[in-house]
Each structure stands twice: as structure tokens, then as C-alpha cells.
Amino acid sequence: MSDNEQEVLEKYISKHNLKITKQRRAVLESFLAIDEHISAEDLYKIVSAKEPKIGLATVYRTLALLTQSGLAEELDFGEGQKRYEHKYEHSHHDHMICTKCGRILEFQNPLIEKLQEEVAHEHQFKMTSHKLDLFGLCNDCQ
């Protein structure tokens, strides 16, 4: 966990009168070591290998804490479970999701970003955020 992420979390925890427990720290460190879109269940499998006494509910609560503090983003790709990705100091990106194998590809495209801004402006709409998820078949599944 980087010093910046640690500082963000400590400020959030202090503000909300919470504690960083050994189990929460294990969840946080495992989450931050993973560079993919992970479900709570998959993260639980990783963390419980290191901390066998940890419960799935602790993983869910800690992911909620990470999301609320701005360190993680909760994503719903319509597959029946939420996934989480790093958010703090990560640039905006969009997703392509394979509907066959579940692979998630991140991409950035300045033309798409500009077009979204133009569409919002045309409709006198002040865009505060957006997300773009493209569903289809990845190269391996075509």
C-alpha cells in the first residue's frame, strides 16, 4: 500500500471513528496488490489463504470502506456480482467486457471523450461523470 493510499485511508477511518484491524489491513493490502477487476468472493479466496480466520463479510465491509474512501470503485457489468478496481490516482478509462469468457479490457480514447463532451454540450447538459462499458466478444472468443 503506498503512503498516499495509506494516508487517504487513515484520514477516512479517523473521520468515521473506525479502526484499522489486522483483517482489514490484510484485505486492503491484497486488494491493492491486485491489478484487475476483482469480485469480493475472489478477493476473499486470496485473503483467506493468508488470514484463515477472516470472514467473507469482513471482505465485503472492507471493500465498502475502500469505495467510500475513494480508493476503490465498485463496478457492475451485469453478471450478477459486483467487481472492484483501484480508483485513487488512476486515470479515467472505459471497459470492454467479453460476454463469453468475462474478460475485461480497459481502454482510453480521447475521441470518445471529446464526443461525449460535445453531445452533453449540444443538449445543454452539464456532465459530472460518465462510464462507458462495451459488451461483445474478445479476440479469443470470436
Protein backbone atom coordinates (compact mmCIF):
# COMPACT_ATOMS: atom_id res chain seq x y z
CA MET A 1 0.00 0.00 0.00
CA SER A 2 1.53 3.35 -0.97
CA ASP A 3 1.93 6.12 1.58
CA ASN A 4 -0.70 8.20 -0.26
CA GLU A 5 -3.27 5.40 -0.16
CA GLN A 6 -2.44 4.70 3.47
CA GLU A 7 -2.91 8.40 4.28
CA VAL A 8 -6.27 8.56 2.47
CA LEU A 9 -7.48 5.51 4.33
CA GLU A 10 -6.21 6.69 7.72
CA LYS A 11 -7.95 10.06 7.29
CA TYR A 12 -11.20 8.38 6.32
CA ILE A 13 -11.03 5.91 9.19
CA SER A 14 -10.19 8.62 11.70
CA LYS A 15 -13.02 10.84 10.46
CA HIS A 16 -15.52 7.99 10.90
CA ASN A 17 -14.16 6.74 14.25
CA LEU A 18 -13.18 3.35 12.84
CA LYS A 19 -10.12 1.18 13.42
CA ILE A 20 -7.70 -0.49 11.06
CA THR A 21 -7.79 -4.09 12.20
CA LYS A 22 -5.35 -6.82 11.16
CA GLN A 23 -8.06 -8.35 8.98
CA ARG A 24 -8.95 -5.05 7.29
CA ARG A 25 -5.29 -4.40 6.63
CA ALA A 26 -4.95 -7.86 5.03
CA VAL A 27 -7.92 -7.14 2.74
CA LEU A 28 -6.54 -3.72 1.82
CA GLU A 29 -3.05 -4.98 1.08
CA SER A 30 -4.36 -7.87 -1.02
CA PHE A 31 -6.74 -5.60 -2.95
CA LEU A 32 -4.06 -3.04 -3.70
CA ALA A 33 -1.64 -5.77 -4.84
CA ILE A 34 -4.10 -6.95 -7.49
CA ASP A 35 -4.26 -5.12 -10.80
CA GLU A 36 -7.57 -6.40 -12.13
CA HIS A 37 -11.31 -6.13 -11.63
CA ILE A 38 -11.96 -8.45 -8.72
CA SER A 39 -15.10 -9.69 -7.00
CA ALA A 40 -15.42 -9.82 -3.22
CA GLU A 41 -15.55 -13.61 -3.42
CA ASP A 42 -12.31 -13.85 -5.40
CA LEU A 43 -10.59 -11.39 -3.07
CA TYR A 44 -11.83 -13.44 -0.11
CA LYS A 45 -10.12 -16.55 -1.54
CA ILE A 46 -6.83 -14.67 -1.78
CA VAL A 47 -7.04 -13.07 1.66
CA SER A 48 -8.26 -16.20 3.47
CA ALA A 49 -5.20 -18.10 2.23
CA LYS A 50 -3.11 -15.65 4.30
CA GLU A 51 -5.63 -14.99 7.08
CA PRO A 52 -7.74 -18.16 7.53
CA LYS A 53 -9.92 -16.63 10.27
CA ILE A 54 -11.19 -13.82 8.05
CA GLY A 55 -14.83 -13.90 7.01
CA LEU A 56 -16.43 -13.02 3.69
CA ALA A 57 -18.48 -10.32 5.45
CA THR A 58 -15.24 -8.59 6.52
CA VAL A 59 -14.09 -8.54 2.90
CA TYR A 60 -17.41 -7.01 1.79
CA ARG A 61 -17.31 -4.39 4.56
CA THR A 62 -13.70 -3.51 3.83
CA LEU A 63 -14.41 -3.14 0.11
CA ALA A 64 -17.31 -0.83 1.00
CA LEU A 65 -14.89 1.16 3.16
CA LEU A 66 -12.41 1.38 0.29
CA THR A 67 -15.16 2.53 -2.06
CA GLN A 68 -16.44 5.17 0.37
CA SER A 69 -12.92 6.48 0.98
CA GLY A 70 -12.26 6.87 -2.76
CA LEU A 71 -9.60 4.16 -3.01
CA ALA A 72 -11.78 1.73 -4.95
CA GLU A 73 -14.63 1.86 -7.42
CA GLU A 74 -17.50 -0.59 -7.41
CA LEU A 75 -18.43 -1.81 -10.89
CA ASP A 76 -21.45 -3.72 -12.13
CA PHE A 77 -21.04 -5.39 -15.50
CA GLY A 78 -24.41 -7.15 -15.31
CA GLU A 79 -23.01 -10.56 -14.44
CA GLY A 80 -24.70 -10.88 -11.06
CA GLN A 81 -21.77 -9.78 -8.93
CA LYS A 82 -20.01 -6.53 -8.30
CA ARG A 83 -16.36 -6.07 -9.13
CA TYR A 84 -13.88 -3.60 -7.70
CA GLU A 85 -10.93 -1.76 -9.18
CA HIS A 86 -8.36 0.72 -7.93
CA LYS A 87 -9.54 4.30 -8.19
CA TYR A 88 -7.17 6.55 -6.26
CA GLU A 89 -4.72 8.34 -8.59
CA HIS A 90 -5.79 6.19 -11.55
CA SER A 91 -6.76 7.90 -14.77
CA HIS A 92 -10.25 7.62 -16.23
CA HIS A 93 -10.80 4.68 -18.54
CA ASP A 94 -13.64 2.73 -20.08
CA HIS A 95 -14.25 -1.01 -20.34
CA MET A 96 -14.84 -3.70 -22.95
CA ILE A 97 -16.41 -6.82 -21.42
CA CYS A 98 -16.44 -10.20 -23.18
CA THR A 99 -19.87 -11.76 -22.74
CA LYS A 100 -18.47 -15.26 -23.28
CA CYS A 101 -15.35 -15.53 -21.08
CA GLY A 102 -15.84 -12.47 -18.86
CA ARG A 103 -12.53 -10.86 -19.77
CA ILE A 104 -12.46 -7.14 -19.02
CA LEU A 105 -10.28 -4.84 -21.11
CA GLU A 106 -9.62 -1.24 -20.15
CA PHE A 107 -9.17 1.41 -22.80
CA GLN A 108 -8.83 5.16 -23.22
CA ASN A 109 -9.85 7.03 -26.33
CA PRO A 110 -9.59 10.83 -26.49
CA LEU A 111 -12.01 11.00 -29.45
CA ILE A 112 -14.74 9.23 -27.47
CA GLU A 113 -14.14 11.53 -24.51
CA LYS A 114 -14.38 14.61 -26.75
CA LEU A 115 -17.54 13.32 -28.46
CA GLN A 116 -19.23 12.74 -25.10
CA GLU A 117 -18.46 16.31 -24.08
CA GLU A 118 -19.82 17.61 -27.40
CA VAL A 119 -23.05 15.61 -27.01
CA ALA A 120 -23.52 16.91 -23.48
CA HIS A 121 -22.89 20.49 -24.66
CA GLU A 122 -25.35 20.13 -27.58
CA HIS A 123 -28.06 19.14 -25.14
CA GLN A 124 -27.11 21.82 -22.60
CA PHE A 125 -26.24 19.06 -20.17
CA LYS A 126 -23.57 19.53 -17.54
CA MET A 127 -21.81 16.19 -17.36
CA THR A 128 -20.32 15.45 -13.94
CA SER A 129 -19.11 11.94 -14.70
CA HIS A 130 -19.69 9.08 -17.07
CA LYS A 131 -18.87 5.46 -17.70
CA LEU A 132 -18.74 3.52 -20.91
CA ASP A 133 -18.94 -0.27 -20.93
CA LEU A 134 -18.86 -2.05 -24.29
CA PHE A 135 -20.13 -5.65 -24.35
CA GLY A 136 -19.18 -8.17 -27.00
CA LEU A 137 -16.68 -10.91 -27.78
CA CYS A 138 -12.95 -10.60 -27.17
CA ASN A 139 -10.43 -11.69 -29.79
CA ASP A 140 -10.04 -15.15 -28.20
CA CYS A 141 -13.80 -15.83 -28.13
CA GLN A 142 -14.73 -14.62 -31.62
